Amino acid sequence: MVGLAGVPGREWMVRDAKGRKYSFDSEEEAFEALPEYGEGAAVWTRDVYRVLFFTRSVDGWQQVTKPSD
């Protein structure tokens, strides 16, 4: 069957100071939205593999800093 090995991808989220999580489609979107979530908010990412209806992460969420321009 096609896809049983999983489709690799990356997920992005902003976690605010109260622990609420907001998902984004890309790194750029997450960093653009970051100031809207206030002091203490941070961008997080993880590498995932999607198999059928399941999403699995090998290393879990990792906090990232904004890349320098």
N, C-alpha and C. Protein backbone atom coordinates (compact mmCIF):
# COMPACT_ATOMS: atom_id res chain seq x y z
N MET A 1 0.82 -1.18 0.00
CA MET A 1 0.00 0.00 0.00
C MET A 1 0.87 1.25 0.00
N VAL A 2 0.43 2.25 -0.67
CA VAL A 2 1.14 3.52 -0.72
C VAL A 2 0.91 4.28 0.58
N GLY A 3 1.96 4.89 1.12
CA GLY A 3 1.83 5.74 2.29
C GLY A 3 1.99 5.06 3.63
N LEU A 4 2.20 3.77 3.67
CA LEU A 4 2.35 3.10 4.96
C LEU A 4 3.64 3.50 5.68
N ALA A 5 4.63 3.93 4.93
CA ALA A 5 5.88 4.36 5.55
C ALA A 5 5.73 5.74 6.18
N GLY A 6 4.71 6.46 5.84
CA GLY A 6 4.48 7.78 6.43
C GLY A 6 4.97 8.88 5.53
N VAL A 7 4.30 10.01 5.61
CA VAL A 7 4.67 11.18 4.84
C VAL A 7 5.31 12.17 5.80
N PRO A 8 6.59 12.52 5.57
CA PRO A 8 7.25 13.45 6.49
C PRO A 8 6.71 14.87 6.32
N GLY A 9 6.75 15.62 7.38
CA GLY A 9 6.31 17.01 7.35
C GLY A 9 6.81 17.74 8.57
N ARG A 10 6.41 18.98 8.69
CA ARG A 10 6.79 19.80 9.83
C ARG A 10 5.58 20.58 10.28
N GLU A 11 5.37 20.65 11.59
CA GLU A 11 4.28 21.42 12.16
C GLU A 11 4.85 22.61 12.93
N TRP A 12 4.08 23.70 12.94
CA TRP A 12 4.49 24.93 13.62
C TRP A 12 3.38 25.38 14.55
N MET A 13 3.74 25.91 15.70
CA MET A 13 2.75 26.46 16.61
C MET A 13 3.34 27.60 17.42
N VAL A 14 2.44 28.44 17.92
CA VAL A 14 2.80 29.46 18.89
C VAL A 14 2.15 29.03 20.20
N ARG A 15 2.94 29.01 21.26
CA ARG A 15 2.42 28.72 22.59
C ARG A 15 2.53 30.00 23.40
N ASP A 16 1.39 30.47 23.93
CA ASP A 16 1.41 31.73 24.69
C ASP A 16 1.82 31.47 26.14
N ALA A 17 1.93 32.54 26.92
CA ALA A 17 2.39 32.44 28.31
C ALA A 17 1.44 31.62 29.18
N LYS A 18 0.18 31.51 28.77
CA LYS A 18 -0.80 30.72 29.53
C LYS A 18 -0.85 29.27 29.08
N GLY A 19 -0.02 28.89 28.11
CA GLY A 19 0.04 27.52 27.64
C GLY A 19 -0.90 27.18 26.50
N ARG A 20 -1.65 28.17 26.01
CA ARG A 20 -2.54 27.91 24.87
C ARG A 20 -1.70 27.76 23.61
N LYS A 21 -2.15 26.89 22.71
CA LYS A 21 -1.40 26.57 21.50
C LYS A 21 -2.18 26.97 20.26
N TYR A 22 -1.48 27.54 19.29
CA TYR A 22 -2.08 27.99 18.04
C TYR A 22 -1.26 27.44 16.89
N SER A 23 -1.88 26.72 15.98
CA SER A 23 -1.19 26.07 14.87
C SER A 23 -1.04 26.99 13.66
N PHE A 24 0.07 26.80 12.93
CA PHE A 24 0.35 27.57 11.72
C PHE A 24 0.89 26.64 10.64
N ASP A 25 0.72 27.08 9.39
CA ASP A 25 1.14 26.26 8.26
C ASP A 25 2.63 26.38 7.94
N SER A 26 3.27 27.47 8.40
CA SER A 26 4.68 27.66 8.05
C SER A 26 5.40 28.44 9.14
N GLU A 27 6.70 28.39 9.08
CA GLU A 27 7.55 29.15 10.00
C GLU A 27 7.29 30.65 9.87
N GLU A 28 7.16 31.11 8.63
CA GLU A 28 6.93 32.53 8.39
C GLU A 28 5.64 33.01 9.04
N GLU A 29 4.56 32.24 8.87
CA GLU A 29 3.28 32.61 9.48
C GLU A 29 3.37 32.65 10.99
N ALA A 30 4.04 31.68 11.58
CA ALA A 30 4.15 31.62 13.04
C ALA A 30 4.90 32.83 13.58
N PHE A 31 6.02 33.19 12.95
CA PHE A 31 6.79 34.33 13.45
C PHE A 31 6.09 35.66 13.18
N GLU A 32 5.35 35.75 12.09
CA GLU A 32 4.59 36.98 11.82
C GLU A 32 3.50 37.19 12.86
N ALA A 33 2.87 36.11 13.32
CA ALA A 33 1.78 36.20 14.28
C ALA A 33 2.26 36.30 15.73
N LEU A 34 3.49 35.95 16.00
CA LEU A 34 4.01 35.88 17.36
C LEU A 34 3.72 37.12 18.22
N PRO A 35 3.94 38.35 17.73
CA PRO A 35 3.68 39.53 18.58
C PRO A 35 2.23 39.65 19.06
N GLU A 36 1.29 39.07 18.32
CA GLU A 36 -0.12 39.14 18.70
C GLU A 36 -0.44 38.36 19.98
N TYR A 37 0.44 37.44 20.37
CA TYR A 37 0.17 36.57 21.51
C TYR A 37 0.82 37.05 22.80
N GLY A 38 1.49 38.18 22.76
CA GLY A 38 1.97 38.83 23.97
C GLY A 38 3.29 38.32 24.51
N GLU A 39 3.66 38.93 25.62
CA GLU A 39 4.91 38.61 26.31
C GLU A 39 4.91 37.15 26.75
N GLY A 40 6.02 36.48 26.54
CA GLY A 40 6.15 35.09 26.95
C GLY A 40 5.75 34.08 25.89
N ALA A 41 5.19 34.53 24.77
CA ALA A 41 4.82 33.60 23.70
C ALA A 41 6.07 33.17 22.94
N ALA A 42 6.05 31.95 22.41
CA ALA A 42 7.21 31.42 21.69
C ALA A 42 6.74 30.54 20.53
N VAL A 43 7.61 30.41 19.53
CA VAL A 43 7.33 29.54 18.38
C VAL A 43 7.97 28.18 18.64
N TRP A 44 7.21 27.14 18.33
CA TRP A 44 7.67 25.76 18.50
C TRP A 44 7.46 25.01 17.18
N THR A 45 8.29 23.99 16.95
CA THR A 45 8.14 23.17 15.75
C THR A 45 8.46 21.72 16.07
N ARG A 46 8.00 20.84 15.20
CA ARG A 46 8.35 19.42 15.31
C ARG A 46 8.27 18.77 13.95
N ASP A 47 9.12 17.80 13.74
CA ASP A 47 9.07 16.98 12.53
C ASP A 47 8.08 15.86 12.79
N VAL A 48 7.21 15.62 11.83
CA VAL A 48 6.19 14.60 12.00
C VAL A 48 6.13 13.67 10.79
N TYR A 49 5.51 12.53 11.02
CA TYR A 49 5.22 11.57 9.96
C TYR A 49 3.75 11.26 10.04
N ARG A 50 3.06 11.40 8.93
CA ARG A 50 1.63 11.14 8.89
C ARG A 50 1.38 9.79 8.21
N VAL A 51 0.65 8.95 8.91
CA VAL A 51 0.27 7.64 8.39
C VAL A 51 -1.24 7.51 8.56
N LEU A 52 -1.93 7.40 7.42
CA LEU A 52 -3.38 7.35 7.42
C LEU A 52 -3.94 8.53 8.21
N PHE A 53 -4.59 8.28 9.35
CA PHE A 53 -5.20 9.36 10.13
C PHE A 53 -4.38 9.72 11.37
N PHE A 54 -3.16 9.24 11.46
CA PHE A 54 -2.34 9.47 12.65
C PHE A 54 -1.13 10.34 12.32
N THR A 55 -0.75 11.17 13.29
CA THR A 55 0.46 11.99 13.17
C THR A 55 1.39 11.59 14.31
N ARG A 56 2.61 11.28 13.97
CA ARG A 56 3.59 10.88 14.98
C ARG A 56 4.81 11.77 14.88
N SER A 57 5.38 12.09 16.04
CA SER A 57 6.59 12.90 16.11
C SER A 57 7.69 12.07 16.74
N VAL A 58 8.89 12.18 16.18
CA VAL A 58 10.03 11.42 16.71
C VAL A 58 10.61 12.13 17.93
N ASP A 59 10.85 13.42 17.82
CA ASP A 59 11.56 14.15 18.87
C ASP A 59 10.68 15.07 19.70
N GLY A 60 9.42 15.22 19.38
CA GLY A 60 8.55 16.12 20.13
C GLY A 60 8.76 17.57 19.73
N TRP A 61 8.09 18.46 20.44
CA TRP A 61 8.15 19.89 20.12
C TRP A 61 9.47 20.49 20.59
N GLN A 62 10.04 21.36 19.76
CA GLN A 62 11.27 22.07 20.07
C GLN A 62 11.03 23.56 19.89
N GLN A 63 11.41 24.35 20.89
CA GLN A 63 11.26 25.80 20.77
C GLN A 63 12.32 26.33 19.80
N VAL A 64 11.93 27.27 18.94
CA VAL A 64 12.87 27.84 17.97
C VAL A 64 12.92 29.34 18.12
N THR A 65 14.05 29.91 17.74
CA THR A 65 14.21 31.36 17.75
C THR A 65 14.08 31.86 16.33
N LYS A 66 13.74 33.14 16.22
CA LYS A 66 13.54 33.74 14.90
C LYS A 66 14.86 33.77 14.13
N PRO A 67 14.84 33.28 12.89
CA PRO A 67 16.07 33.33 12.09
C PRO A 67 16.45 34.76 11.79
N SER A 68 17.76 35.04 11.76
CA SER A 68 18.20 36.40 11.45
C SER A 68 18.04 36.68 9.96
N ASP A 69 17.64 37.90 9.67
CA ASP A 69 17.40 38.30 8.28
C ASP A 69 18.69 38.62 7.57
